[in-house]
Amino acid sequence: MTGRRVVAAVSAGLLAVGVLAACSTGGTADGTAGSGANYVGGDGTITFLSAAERRDPVALAGETLEGAQLDLATLRGRVVVINVWGSWCPPCRKEAPDLQEAYEQLRPQGVEFVGINFRDPDPAPAKAFQRTFGITYPSLRDDGGNALLALRGAVSANSIPSTLVLDTEGRIAARASTVVTRTTLVDLVADVRSGGTTG
């Protein structure tokens, strides 16, 4: 793939790619996925999991910033991009235009985007963030961190922003613990859709 360089093969089918640093102070382990592969928060990597390494589908539902109900189970059969963000996070602001551009490019291909707002107990700043950057895909409201628990250790509170790509079965197939660009995200989604690996 273009525009990225492979850093290391961490385990079978899992590759890490160096990009920009996220809103994090360290690289502590956040849990495991599949055959011994560790999710490491805030390390500026993109991680791809082979189909054999993917865990159970993510079970996540809640209220959006606009007051609608959203359940990821209704999106099964489609690749879903999940972005965890906060209005208080400068790197989240940096990547927001690229996320919206990627959404506009990928939605006609059947790819869905869902944001998870974090540490914005008052929805007003989060809504202002969406207006400022023209975000048109839905985001679940801050729920005190329960959504992060539902993501099965793939995202920790000290690694915001983080972006996940779920396969058509709702399983975590890739994770970016870093600021993402439109090109990087489009390429990563293409890998997940094709069953390929980042490289």
N, C-alpha and C. Protein backbone atom coordinates (compact mmCIF):
# COMPACT_ATOMS: atom_id res chain seq x y z
N MET A 1 0.84 -1.18 0.00
CA MET A 1 0.00 0.00 0.00
C MET A 1 0.88 1.23 0.00
N THR A 2 0.38 2.34 -0.50
CA THR A 2 1.21 3.54 -0.60
C THR A 2 1.04 4.42 0.61
N GLY A 3 2.05 5.27 0.89
CA GLY A 3 1.94 6.29 1.90
C GLY A 3 2.16 5.81 3.32
N ARG A 4 2.50 4.54 3.53
CA ARG A 4 2.74 4.04 4.86
C ARG A 4 3.92 3.10 4.81
N ARG A 5 4.63 2.93 5.94
CA ARG A 5 5.74 2.00 5.93
C ARG A 5 5.55 0.99 7.03
N VAL A 6 5.82 -0.26 6.70
CA VAL A 6 5.62 -1.33 7.67
C VAL A 6 6.70 -1.25 8.74
N VAL A 7 6.29 -1.29 10.00
CA VAL A 7 7.22 -1.23 11.11
C VAL A 7 7.61 -2.62 11.58
N ALA A 8 6.63 -3.50 11.84
CA ALA A 8 6.97 -4.83 12.34
C ALA A 8 5.82 -5.77 12.14
N ALA A 9 6.13 -7.04 11.95
CA ALA A 9 5.10 -8.07 11.96
C ALA A 9 4.98 -8.55 13.39
N VAL A 10 3.86 -8.25 14.04
CA VAL A 10 3.72 -8.53 15.47
C VAL A 10 3.31 -9.97 15.70
N SER A 11 2.39 -10.50 14.91
CA SER A 11 2.03 -11.91 14.97
C SER A 11 1.47 -12.29 13.62
N ALA A 12 1.15 -13.55 13.42
CA ALA A 12 0.67 -13.99 12.12
C ALA A 12 -0.53 -13.17 11.70
N GLY A 13 -0.41 -12.53 10.55
CA GLY A 13 -1.52 -11.74 10.02
C GLY A 13 -1.66 -10.39 10.64
N LEU A 14 -0.75 -9.96 11.53
CA LEU A 14 -0.90 -8.67 12.20
C LEU A 14 0.33 -7.84 11.90
N LEU A 15 0.11 -6.65 11.35
CA LEU A 15 1.21 -5.78 11.00
C LEU A 15 1.02 -4.44 11.65
N ALA A 16 2.10 -3.77 12.00
CA ALA A 16 2.00 -2.43 12.58
C ALA A 16 2.62 -1.44 11.62
N VAL A 17 1.97 -0.30 11.46
CA VAL A 17 2.43 0.72 10.53
C VAL A 17 2.59 2.03 11.27
N GLY A 18 3.79 2.65 11.21
CA GLY A 18 4.02 3.89 11.94
C GLY A 18 3.36 5.06 11.26
N VAL A 19 2.59 5.85 12.03
CA VAL A 19 2.02 7.10 11.56
C VAL A 19 2.10 8.12 12.68
N LEU A 20 1.19 9.08 12.76
CA LEU A 20 1.29 10.15 13.73
C LEU A 20 0.89 9.71 15.12
N ALA A 21 1.39 10.40 16.16
CA ALA A 21 1.08 10.06 17.55
C ALA A 21 -0.31 10.54 17.91
N ALA A 22 -0.96 9.81 18.86
CA ALA A 22 -2.32 10.14 19.29
C ALA A 22 -2.29 10.89 20.60
N CYS A 23 -3.50 11.14 21.17
CA CYS A 23 -3.66 11.80 22.47
C CYS A 23 -3.34 10.82 23.56
N SER A 24 -2.09 10.46 23.72
CA SER A 24 -1.74 9.46 24.70
C SER A 24 -0.38 9.75 25.27
N THR A 25 -0.15 9.24 26.47
CA THR A 25 1.13 9.46 27.11
C THR A 25 1.98 8.22 27.16
N GLY A 26 1.47 7.10 26.71
CA GLY A 26 2.27 5.90 26.83
C GLY A 26 1.77 4.78 25.97
N GLY A 27 2.37 3.60 26.15
CA GLY A 27 2.04 2.44 25.36
C GLY A 27 1.73 1.26 26.24
N THR A 28 0.75 1.36 27.12
CA THR A 28 0.39 0.26 27.99
C THR A 28 -0.54 -0.69 27.29
N ALA A 29 -0.44 -1.96 27.62
CA ALA A 29 -1.30 -2.97 26.99
C ALA A 29 -2.72 -2.79 27.46
N ASP A 30 -3.67 -2.91 26.52
CA ASP A 30 -5.08 -2.71 26.83
C ASP A 30 -5.89 -4.00 26.77
N GLY A 31 -5.26 -5.10 26.49
CA GLY A 31 -6.02 -6.35 26.38
C GLY A 31 -5.51 -7.15 25.21
N THR A 32 -6.11 -8.29 24.96
CA THR A 32 -5.65 -9.15 23.90
C THR A 32 -6.75 -9.39 22.90
N ALA A 33 -6.35 -9.80 21.71
CA ALA A 33 -7.31 -10.14 20.66
C ALA A 33 -6.80 -11.32 19.89
N GLY A 34 -7.64 -12.32 19.73
CA GLY A 34 -7.28 -13.46 18.90
C GLY A 34 -6.11 -14.24 19.45
N SER A 35 -5.26 -14.72 18.54
CA SER A 35 -4.19 -15.63 18.92
C SER A 35 -2.99 -14.90 19.47
N GLY A 36 -3.16 -14.29 20.66
CA GLY A 36 -2.04 -13.69 21.36
C GLY A 36 -1.66 -12.30 20.92
N ALA A 37 -2.40 -11.68 20.02
CA ALA A 37 -2.06 -10.35 19.55
C ALA A 37 -2.49 -9.32 20.58
N ASN A 38 -1.60 -8.41 20.98
CA ASN A 38 -1.93 -7.38 21.96
C ASN A 38 -2.36 -6.09 21.28
N TYR A 39 -3.44 -5.50 21.80
CA TYR A 39 -3.78 -4.14 21.43
C TYR A 39 -2.95 -3.23 22.32
N VAL A 40 -2.17 -2.34 21.74
CA VAL A 40 -1.35 -1.43 22.52
C VAL A 40 -1.82 -0.01 22.27
N GLY A 41 -2.21 0.69 23.34
CA GLY A 41 -2.79 2.01 23.19
C GLY A 41 -1.75 3.09 23.03
N GLY A 42 -2.04 4.09 22.19
CA GLY A 42 -1.22 5.28 22.09
C GLY A 42 0.15 5.07 21.51
N ASP A 43 0.36 4.04 20.73
CA ASP A 43 1.69 3.78 20.20
C ASP A 43 1.86 4.23 18.76
N GLY A 44 0.88 4.89 18.21
CA GLY A 44 1.00 5.42 16.86
C GLY A 44 1.04 4.35 15.79
N THR A 45 0.34 3.26 15.99
CA THR A 45 0.37 2.19 14.99
C THR A 45 -1.02 1.92 14.41
N ILE A 46 -0.99 1.25 13.29
CA ILE A 46 -2.19 0.69 12.70
C ILE A 46 -2.05 -0.82 12.75
N THR A 47 -3.06 -1.49 13.27
CA THR A 47 -3.00 -2.93 13.48
C THR A 47 -4.06 -3.63 12.65
N PHE A 48 -3.67 -4.67 11.94
CA PHE A 48 -4.60 -5.45 11.13
C PHE A 48 -4.68 -6.86 11.69
N LEU A 49 -5.88 -7.37 11.87
CA LEU A 49 -6.08 -8.72 12.38
C LEU A 49 -6.60 -9.61 11.25
N SER A 50 -5.97 -10.76 11.09
CA SER A 50 -6.48 -11.73 10.12
C SER A 50 -7.83 -12.24 10.61
N ALA A 51 -8.58 -12.85 9.71
CA ALA A 51 -9.91 -13.35 10.07
C ALA A 51 -9.84 -14.33 11.24
N ALA A 52 -8.79 -15.14 11.31
CA ALA A 52 -8.66 -16.13 12.37
C ALA A 52 -8.40 -15.48 13.73
N GLU A 53 -7.87 -14.26 13.73
CA GLU A 53 -7.54 -13.58 14.98
C GLU A 53 -8.67 -12.72 15.53
N ARG A 54 -9.71 -12.53 14.77
CA ARG A 54 -10.80 -11.64 15.19
C ARG A 54 -11.69 -12.31 16.22
N ARG A 55 -12.14 -11.50 17.17
CA ARG A 55 -12.95 -12.01 18.27
C ARG A 55 -14.43 -11.90 17.94
N ASP A 56 -15.27 -12.00 18.96
CA ASP A 56 -16.72 -11.94 18.75
C ASP A 56 -17.14 -10.57 18.23
N PRO A 57 -18.30 -10.49 17.60
CA PRO A 57 -18.80 -9.19 17.13
C PRO A 57 -18.95 -8.20 18.28
N VAL A 58 -18.72 -6.94 17.98
CA VAL A 58 -18.88 -5.88 18.97
C VAL A 58 -20.37 -5.66 19.20
N ALA A 59 -20.77 -5.67 20.48
CA ALA A 59 -22.16 -5.39 20.85
C ALA A 59 -22.21 -3.98 21.43
N LEU A 60 -22.73 -3.04 20.67
CA LEU A 60 -22.72 -1.64 21.09
C LEU A 60 -23.98 -0.95 20.61
N ALA A 61 -24.66 -0.30 21.53
CA ALA A 61 -25.88 0.44 21.19
C ALA A 61 -25.98 1.63 22.14
N GLY A 62 -26.70 2.65 21.70
CA GLY A 62 -26.87 3.80 22.56
C GLY A 62 -27.57 4.93 21.84
N GLU A 63 -27.52 6.10 22.46
CA GLU A 63 -28.18 7.29 21.92
C GLU A 63 -27.16 8.17 21.23
N THR A 64 -27.51 8.66 20.05
CA THR A 64 -26.61 9.55 19.33
C THR A 64 -26.70 10.97 19.90
N LEU A 65 -25.78 11.81 19.47
CA LEU A 65 -25.79 13.21 19.91
C LEU A 65 -27.07 13.92 19.48
N GLU A 66 -27.72 13.40 18.46
CA GLU A 66 -28.98 13.99 17.98
C GLU A 66 -30.20 13.38 18.66
N GLY A 67 -30.00 12.42 19.55
CA GLY A 67 -31.11 11.84 20.30
C GLY A 67 -31.73 10.61 19.68
N ALA A 68 -31.15 10.09 18.60
CA ALA A 68 -31.67 8.87 17.98
C ALA A 68 -31.01 7.65 18.62
N GLN A 69 -31.66 6.50 18.49
CA GLN A 69 -31.09 5.25 18.97
C GLN A 69 -30.30 4.59 17.85
N LEU A 70 -29.14 4.04 18.20
CA LEU A 70 -28.27 3.39 17.22
C LEU A 70 -27.76 2.09 17.81
N ASP A 71 -27.87 1.01 17.05
CA ASP A 71 -27.39 -0.30 17.45
C ASP A 71 -26.51 -0.85 16.33
N LEU A 72 -25.25 -1.16 16.65
CA LEU A 72 -24.34 -1.66 15.62
C LEU A 72 -24.84 -2.96 14.99
N ALA A 73 -25.65 -3.71 15.72
CA ALA A 73 -26.15 -4.97 15.17
C ALA A 73 -26.95 -4.75 13.89
N THR A 74 -27.56 -3.58 13.76
CA THR A 74 -28.36 -3.29 12.56
C THR A 74 -27.48 -3.02 11.34
N LEU A 75 -26.18 -2.88 11.56
CA LEU A 75 -25.26 -2.59 10.45
C LEU A 75 -24.49 -3.83 9.99
N ARG A 76 -24.82 -4.99 10.55
CA ARG A 76 -24.13 -6.22 10.14
C ARG A 76 -24.31 -6.43 8.65
N GLY A 77 -23.29 -6.97 8.02
CA GLY A 77 -23.29 -7.13 6.58
C GLY A 77 -22.55 -6.01 5.88
N ARG A 78 -22.20 -4.96 6.64
CA ARG A 78 -21.44 -3.85 6.09
C ARG A 78 -20.15 -3.66 6.89
N VAL A 79 -19.13 -3.17 6.24
CA VAL A 79 -17.94 -2.73 6.96
C VAL A 79 -18.29 -1.45 7.69
N VAL A 80 -17.87 -1.34 8.96
CA VAL A 80 -18.19 -0.18 9.78
C VAL A 80 -16.90 0.42 10.33
N VAL A 81 -16.76 1.72 10.18
CA VAL A 81 -15.64 2.46 10.76
C VAL A 81 -16.14 3.11 12.05
N ILE A 82 -15.45 2.87 13.16
CA ILE A 82 -15.78 3.49 14.44
C ILE A 82 -14.64 4.42 14.82
N ASN A 83 -14.97 5.67 15.11
CA ASN A 83 -13.96 6.64 15.54
C ASN A 83 -14.30 7.14 16.94
N VAL A 84 -13.36 6.97 17.88
CA VAL A 84 -13.54 7.46 19.25
C VAL A 84 -12.87 8.82 19.35
N TRP A 85 -13.63 9.83 19.77
CA TRP A 85 -13.13 11.20 19.73
C TRP A 85 -13.71 12.02 20.89
N GLY A 86 -13.10 13.17 21.12
CA GLY A 86 -13.61 14.12 22.09
C GLY A 86 -13.39 15.52 21.57
N SER A 87 -14.29 16.43 21.90
CA SER A 87 -14.16 17.81 21.42
C SER A 87 -12.95 18.51 22.03
N TRP A 88 -12.44 17.98 23.13
CA TRP A 88 -11.32 18.55 23.88
C TRP A 88 -9.96 18.09 23.34
N CYS A 89 -9.96 17.22 22.36
CA CYS A 89 -8.74 16.54 21.90
C CYS A 89 -8.21 17.17 20.61
N PRO A 90 -7.06 17.89 20.65
CA PRO A 90 -6.54 18.52 19.43
C PRO A 90 -6.31 17.56 18.27
N PRO A 91 -5.74 16.36 18.47
CA PRO A 91 -5.59 15.45 17.33
C PRO A 91 -6.93 15.02 16.73
N CYS A 92 -7.98 14.98 17.56
CA CYS A 92 -9.31 14.66 17.02
C CYS A 92 -9.76 15.75 16.04
N ARG A 93 -9.44 16.98 16.38
CA ARG A 93 -9.77 18.09 15.49
C ARG A 93 -8.95 18.00 14.20
N LYS A 94 -7.72 17.56 14.33
CA LYS A 94 -6.84 17.45 13.16
C LYS A 94 -7.37 16.42 12.16
N GLU A 95 -7.86 15.29 12.67
CA GLU A 95 -8.27 14.23 11.76
C GLU A 95 -9.72 14.34 11.30
N ALA A 96 -10.53 15.18 11.96
CA ALA A 96 -11.96 15.24 11.66
C ALA A 96 -12.27 15.50 10.17
N PRO A 97 -11.61 16.47 9.52
CA PRO A 97 -11.92 16.68 8.09
C PRO A 97 -11.62 15.45 7.23
N ASP A 98 -10.54 14.73 7.56
CA ASP A 98 -10.19 13.54 6.79
C ASP A 98 -11.22 12.43 7.00
N LEU A 99 -11.72 12.30 8.23
CA LEU A 99 -12.75 11.29 8.49
C LEU A 99 -14.01 11.58 7.68
N GLN A 100 -14.42 12.84 7.65
CA GLN A 100 -15.61 13.20 6.88
C GLN A 100 -15.40 12.95 5.39
N GLU A 101 -14.22 13.29 4.88
CA GLU A 101 -13.93 13.04 3.47
C GLU A 101 -13.93 11.54 3.16
N ALA A 102 -13.36 10.75 4.05
CA ALA A 102 -13.37 9.29 3.86
C ALA A 102 -14.79 8.75 3.88
N TYR A 103 -15.61 9.27 4.78
CA TYR A 103 -17.01 8.86 4.86
C TYR A 103 -17.73 9.16 3.55
N GLU A 104 -17.54 10.36 3.02
CA GLU A 104 -18.20 10.73 1.77
C GLU A 104 -17.74 9.85 0.61
N GLN A 105 -16.48 9.43 0.65
CA GLN A 105 -15.95 8.58 -0.41
C GLN A 105 -16.43 7.14 -0.27
N LEU A 106 -16.51 6.64 0.97
CA LEU A 106 -16.78 5.22 1.19
C LEU A 106 -18.26 4.88 1.35
N ARG A 107 -19.07 5.84 1.75
CA ARG A 107 -20.48 5.53 1.99
C ARG A 107 -21.16 4.99 0.74
N PRO A 108 -20.91 5.54 -0.46
CA PRO A 108 -21.55 4.96 -1.65
C PRO A 108 -21.15 3.51 -1.89
N GLN A 109 -20.07 3.05 -1.25
CA GLN A 109 -19.63 1.66 -1.38
C GLN A 109 -20.23 0.78 -0.29
N GLY A 110 -21.12 1.35 0.53
CA GLY A 110 -21.78 0.56 1.56
C GLY A 110 -21.07 0.54 2.89
N VAL A 111 -20.07 1.40 3.08
CA VAL A 111 -19.33 1.46 4.34
C VAL A 111 -20.01 2.47 5.26
N GLU A 112 -20.21 2.09 6.52
CA GLU A 112 -20.86 2.96 7.49
C GLU A 112 -19.81 3.53 8.46
N PHE A 113 -20.07 4.73 8.96
CA PHE A 113 -19.21 5.36 9.96
C PHE A 113 -20.06 5.64 11.21
N VAL A 114 -19.46 5.41 12.39
CA VAL A 114 -20.10 5.72 13.66
C VAL A 114 -19.03 6.33 14.57
N GLY A 115 -19.32 7.49 15.13
CA GLY A 115 -18.42 8.08 16.11
C GLY A 115 -18.84 7.68 17.51
N ILE A 116 -17.87 7.71 18.42
CA ILE A 116 -18.16 7.55 19.85
C ILE A 116 -17.57 8.75 20.55
N ASN A 117 -18.43 9.61 21.06
CA ASN A 117 -17.97 10.79 21.78
C ASN A 117 -17.53 10.39 23.18
N PHE A 118 -16.38 10.90 23.62
CA PHE A 118 -15.79 10.48 24.89
C PHE A 118 -15.39 11.70 25.71
N ARG A 119 -15.72 11.67 26.99
CA ARG A 119 -15.39 12.72 27.95
C ARG A 119 -15.99 14.08 27.58
N ASP A 120 -17.17 14.04 27.01
CA ASP A 120 -17.97 15.24 26.78
C ASP A 120 -19.34 15.01 27.41
N PRO A 121 -19.44 15.00 28.76
CA PRO A 121 -20.73 14.71 29.40
C PRO A 121 -21.83 15.69 29.00
N ASP A 122 -21.45 16.92 28.70
CA ASP A 122 -22.39 17.90 28.14
C ASP A 122 -22.30 17.78 26.62
N PRO A 123 -23.39 17.44 25.94
CA PRO A 123 -23.30 17.24 24.50
C PRO A 123 -23.06 18.51 23.69
N ALA A 124 -23.20 19.68 24.28
CA ALA A 124 -23.07 20.92 23.52
C ALA A 124 -21.71 21.06 22.83
N PRO A 125 -20.58 20.86 23.53
CA PRO A 125 -19.28 20.97 22.83
C PRO A 125 -19.12 19.94 21.71
N ALA A 126 -19.67 18.74 21.93
CA ALA A 126 -19.57 17.70 20.90
C ALA A 126 -20.37 18.09 19.66
N LYS A 127 -21.56 18.64 19.87
CA LYS A 127 -22.36 19.08 18.73
C LYS A 127 -21.69 20.24 17.99
N ALA A 128 -21.05 21.13 18.75
CA ALA A 128 -20.32 22.24 18.13
C ALA A 128 -19.16 21.71 17.30
N PHE A 129 -18.49 20.68 17.78
CA PHE A 129 -17.40 20.02 17.05
C PHE A 129 -17.93 19.50 15.71
N GLN A 130 -19.07 18.81 15.76
CA GLN A 130 -19.64 18.28 14.52
C GLN A 130 -19.97 19.38 13.52
N ARG A 131 -20.55 20.47 14.02
CA ARG A 131 -20.88 21.58 13.12
C ARG A 131 -19.62 22.20 12.53
N THR A 132 -18.61 22.41 13.36
CA THR A 132 -17.37 23.05 12.90
C THR A 132 -16.73 22.28 11.76
N PHE A 133 -16.73 20.95 11.88
CA PHE A 133 -16.03 20.13 10.88
C PHE A 133 -16.97 19.47 9.88
N GLY A 134 -18.24 19.84 9.93
CA GLY A 134 -19.19 19.32 8.94
C GLY A 134 -19.38 17.82 9.01
N ILE A 135 -19.31 17.24 10.21
CA ILE A 135 -19.45 15.80 10.37
C ILE A 135 -20.91 15.42 10.17
N THR A 136 -21.18 14.51 9.24
CA THR A 136 -22.56 14.13 8.92
C THR A 136 -22.90 12.70 9.32
N TYR A 137 -21.92 11.91 9.76
CA TYR A 137 -22.24 10.56 10.24
C TYR A 137 -22.57 10.64 11.73
N PRO A 138 -23.33 9.68 12.26
CA PRO A 138 -23.78 9.76 13.66
C PRO A 138 -22.67 9.44 14.65
N SER A 139 -22.78 10.03 15.83
CA SER A 139 -21.88 9.69 16.95
C SER A 139 -22.71 9.38 18.18
N LEU A 140 -22.34 8.31 18.87
CA LEU A 140 -22.97 7.98 20.13
C LEU A 140 -22.53 8.96 21.20
N ARG A 141 -23.44 9.33 22.09
CA ARG A 141 -23.13 10.26 23.17
C ARG A 141 -22.19 9.62 24.18
N ASP A 142 -21.45 10.48 24.88
CA ASP A 142 -20.62 10.05 25.99
C ASP A 142 -21.49 9.27 26.99
N ASP A 143 -21.04 8.07 27.35
CA ASP A 143 -21.81 7.24 28.28
C ASP A 143 -20.98 6.84 29.49
N GLY A 144 -19.99 7.67 29.80
CA GLY A 144 -19.16 7.38 30.96
C GLY A 144 -18.13 6.29 30.74
N GLY A 145 -17.86 5.94 29.51
CA GLY A 145 -16.84 4.94 29.19
C GLY A 145 -17.37 3.55 28.93
N ASN A 146 -18.70 3.34 29.00
CA ASN A 146 -19.25 2.01 28.75
C ASN A 146 -19.02 1.56 27.31
N ALA A 147 -19.04 2.50 26.36
CA ALA A 147 -18.81 2.12 24.97
C ALA A 147 -17.40 1.57 24.78
N LEU A 148 -16.42 2.17 25.46
CA LEU A 148 -15.05 1.67 25.35
C LEU A 148 -14.94 0.25 25.89
N LEU A 149 -15.69 -0.06 26.95
CA LEU A 149 -15.70 -1.42 27.48
C LEU A 149 -16.26 -2.39 26.45
N ALA A 150 -17.27 -1.94 25.69
CA ALA A 150 -17.88 -2.81 24.68
C ALA A 150 -16.93 -3.08 23.52
N LEU A 151 -15.89 -2.27 23.38
CA LEU A 151 -14.94 -2.46 22.28
C LEU A 151 -13.87 -3.49 22.60
N ARG A 152 -14.05 -4.22 23.69
CA ARG A 152 -13.25 -5.39 24.01
C ARG A 152 -11.76 -5.11 24.13
N GLY A 153 -11.41 -4.00 24.78
CA GLY A 153 -10.01 -3.71 25.03
C GLY A 153 -9.26 -3.11 23.86
N ALA A 154 -9.94 -2.84 22.75
CA ALA A 154 -9.25 -2.30 21.58
C ALA A 154 -8.91 -0.83 21.73
N VAL A 155 -9.62 -0.12 22.61
CA VAL A 155 -9.39 1.31 22.82
C VAL A 155 -9.34 1.57 24.31
N SER A 156 -8.33 2.31 24.75
CA SER A 156 -8.27 2.70 26.15
C SER A 156 -8.49 4.20 26.26
N ALA A 157 -8.77 4.65 27.47
CA ALA A 157 -9.07 6.06 27.70
C ALA A 157 -7.90 6.96 27.39
N ASN A 158 -6.68 6.42 27.39
CA ASN A 158 -5.51 7.26 27.14
C ASN A 158 -5.02 7.17 25.70
N SER A 159 -5.85 6.63 24.80
CA SER A 159 -5.43 6.52 23.40
C SER A 159 -6.51 7.07 22.47
N ILE A 160 -6.91 8.32 22.76
CA ILE A 160 -7.90 9.01 21.94
C ILE A 160 -7.17 10.04 21.09
N PRO A 161 -7.40 10.15 19.79
CA PRO A 161 -8.40 9.41 19.02
C PRO A 161 -7.94 8.00 18.67
N SER A 162 -8.90 7.14 18.47
CA SER A 162 -8.66 5.79 17.96
C SER A 162 -9.74 5.48 16.93
N THR A 163 -9.37 4.72 15.93
CA THR A 163 -10.31 4.35 14.89
C THR A 163 -10.27 2.85 14.68
N LEU A 164 -11.44 2.22 14.66
CA LEU A 164 -11.56 0.79 14.42
C LEU A 164 -12.28 0.56 13.11
N VAL A 165 -11.96 -0.55 12.45
CA VAL A 165 -12.72 -1.00 11.28
C VAL A 165 -13.28 -2.37 11.61
N LEU A 166 -14.60 -2.49 11.56
CA LEU A 166 -15.26 -3.77 11.80
C LEU A 166 -15.54 -4.45 10.46
N ASP A 167 -15.36 -5.76 10.42
CA ASP A 167 -15.69 -6.49 9.20
C ASP A 167 -17.20 -6.67 9.08
N THR A 168 -17.64 -7.35 8.06
CA THR A 168 -19.08 -7.47 7.81
C THR A 168 -19.80 -8.31 8.86
N GLU A 169 -19.04 -9.03 9.69
CA GLU A 169 -19.62 -9.79 10.79
C GLU A 169 -19.63 -9.00 12.09
N GLY A 170 -19.17 -7.76 12.04
CA GLY A 170 -19.15 -6.92 13.23
C GLY A 170 -17.96 -7.12 14.13
N ARG A 171 -16.92 -7.80 13.64
CA ARG A 171 -15.73 -8.07 14.43
C ARG A 171 -14.65 -7.02 14.16
N ILE A 172 -13.86 -6.71 15.16
CA ILE A 172 -12.77 -5.76 14.97
C ILE A 172 -11.72 -6.38 14.06
N ALA A 173 -11.49 -5.75 12.91
CA ALA A 173 -10.54 -6.26 11.93
C ALA A 173 -9.29 -5.40 11.85
N ALA A 174 -9.40 -4.13 12.25
CA ALA A 174 -8.24 -3.23 12.18
C ALA A 174 -8.43 -2.12 13.19
N ARG A 175 -7.31 -1.55 13.65
CA ARG A 175 -7.37 -0.46 14.61
C ARG A 175 -6.22 0.50 14.36
N ALA A 176 -6.54 1.79 14.37
CA ALA A 176 -5.54 2.85 14.27
C ALA A 176 -5.47 3.57 15.60
N SER A 177 -4.36 3.43 16.28
CA SER A 177 -4.16 4.12 17.56
C SER A 177 -3.37 5.39 17.28
N THR A 178 -3.95 6.25 16.48
CA THR A 178 -3.25 7.42 15.97
C THR A 178 -4.22 8.30 15.20
N VAL A 179 -3.78 9.47 14.83
CA VAL A 179 -4.53 10.31 13.89
C VAL A 179 -4.52 9.61 12.52
N VAL A 180 -5.68 9.57 11.87
CA VAL A 180 -5.76 8.94 10.55
C VAL A 180 -5.95 10.00 9.48
N THR A 181 -5.45 9.72 8.30
CA THR A 181 -5.70 10.55 7.13
C THR A 181 -6.75 9.86 6.27
N ARG A 182 -7.33 10.61 5.35
CA ARG A 182 -8.32 10.02 4.45
C ARG A 182 -7.72 8.85 3.68
N THR A 183 -6.52 9.03 3.13
CA THR A 183 -5.89 7.99 2.33
C THR A 183 -5.64 6.74 3.15
N THR A 184 -5.10 6.91 4.35
CA THR A 184 -4.82 5.77 5.21
C THR A 184 -6.09 5.00 5.54
N LEU A 185 -7.15 5.72 5.88
CA LEU A 185 -8.40 5.07 6.26
C LEU A 185 -9.04 4.37 5.07
N VAL A 186 -9.04 5.01 3.91
CA VAL A 186 -9.61 4.37 2.72
C VAL A 186 -8.84 3.10 2.39
N ASP A 187 -7.51 3.15 2.49
CA ASP A 187 -6.69 1.96 2.22
C ASP A 187 -6.97 0.85 3.23
N LEU A 188 -7.11 1.23 4.50
CA LEU A 188 -7.35 0.23 5.55
C LEU A 188 -8.71 -0.45 5.35
N VAL A 189 -9.72 0.34 5.02
CA VAL A 189 -11.04 -0.24 4.75
C VAL A 189 -10.96 -1.18 3.55
N ALA A 190 -10.21 -0.80 2.53
CA ALA A 190 -10.06 -1.67 1.35
C ALA A 190 -9.42 -3.00 1.74
N ASP A 191 -8.43 -2.95 2.65
CA ASP A 191 -7.80 -4.18 3.13
C ASP A 191 -8.82 -5.08 3.82
N VAL A 192 -9.63 -4.49 4.69
CA VAL A 192 -10.62 -5.27 5.43
C VAL A 192 -11.65 -5.86 4.48
N ARG A 193 -12.09 -5.08 3.52
CA ARG A 193 -13.11 -5.55 2.57
C ARG A 193 -12.58 -6.68 1.70
N SER A 194 -11.28 -6.61 1.35
CA SER A 194 -10.71 -7.61 0.46
C SER A 194 -10.15 -8.81 1.19
N GLY A 195 -10.02 -8.69 2.53
CA GLY A 195 -9.41 -9.77 3.30
C GLY A 195 -7.91 -9.75 3.22
N GLY A 196 -7.34 -8.65 2.71
CA GLY A 196 -5.90 -8.54 2.61
C GLY A 196 -5.26 -8.11 3.92
N THR A 197 -3.98 -7.80 3.87
CA THR A 197 -3.27 -7.32 5.04
C THR A 197 -2.55 -6.03 4.71
N THR A 198 -2.41 -5.17 5.70
CA THR A 198 -1.72 -3.91 5.49
C THR A 198 -0.27 -4.17 5.15
N GLY A 199 0.24 -3.52 4.14
CA GLY A 199 1.63 -3.73 3.79
C GLY A 199 2.01 -2.90 2.60
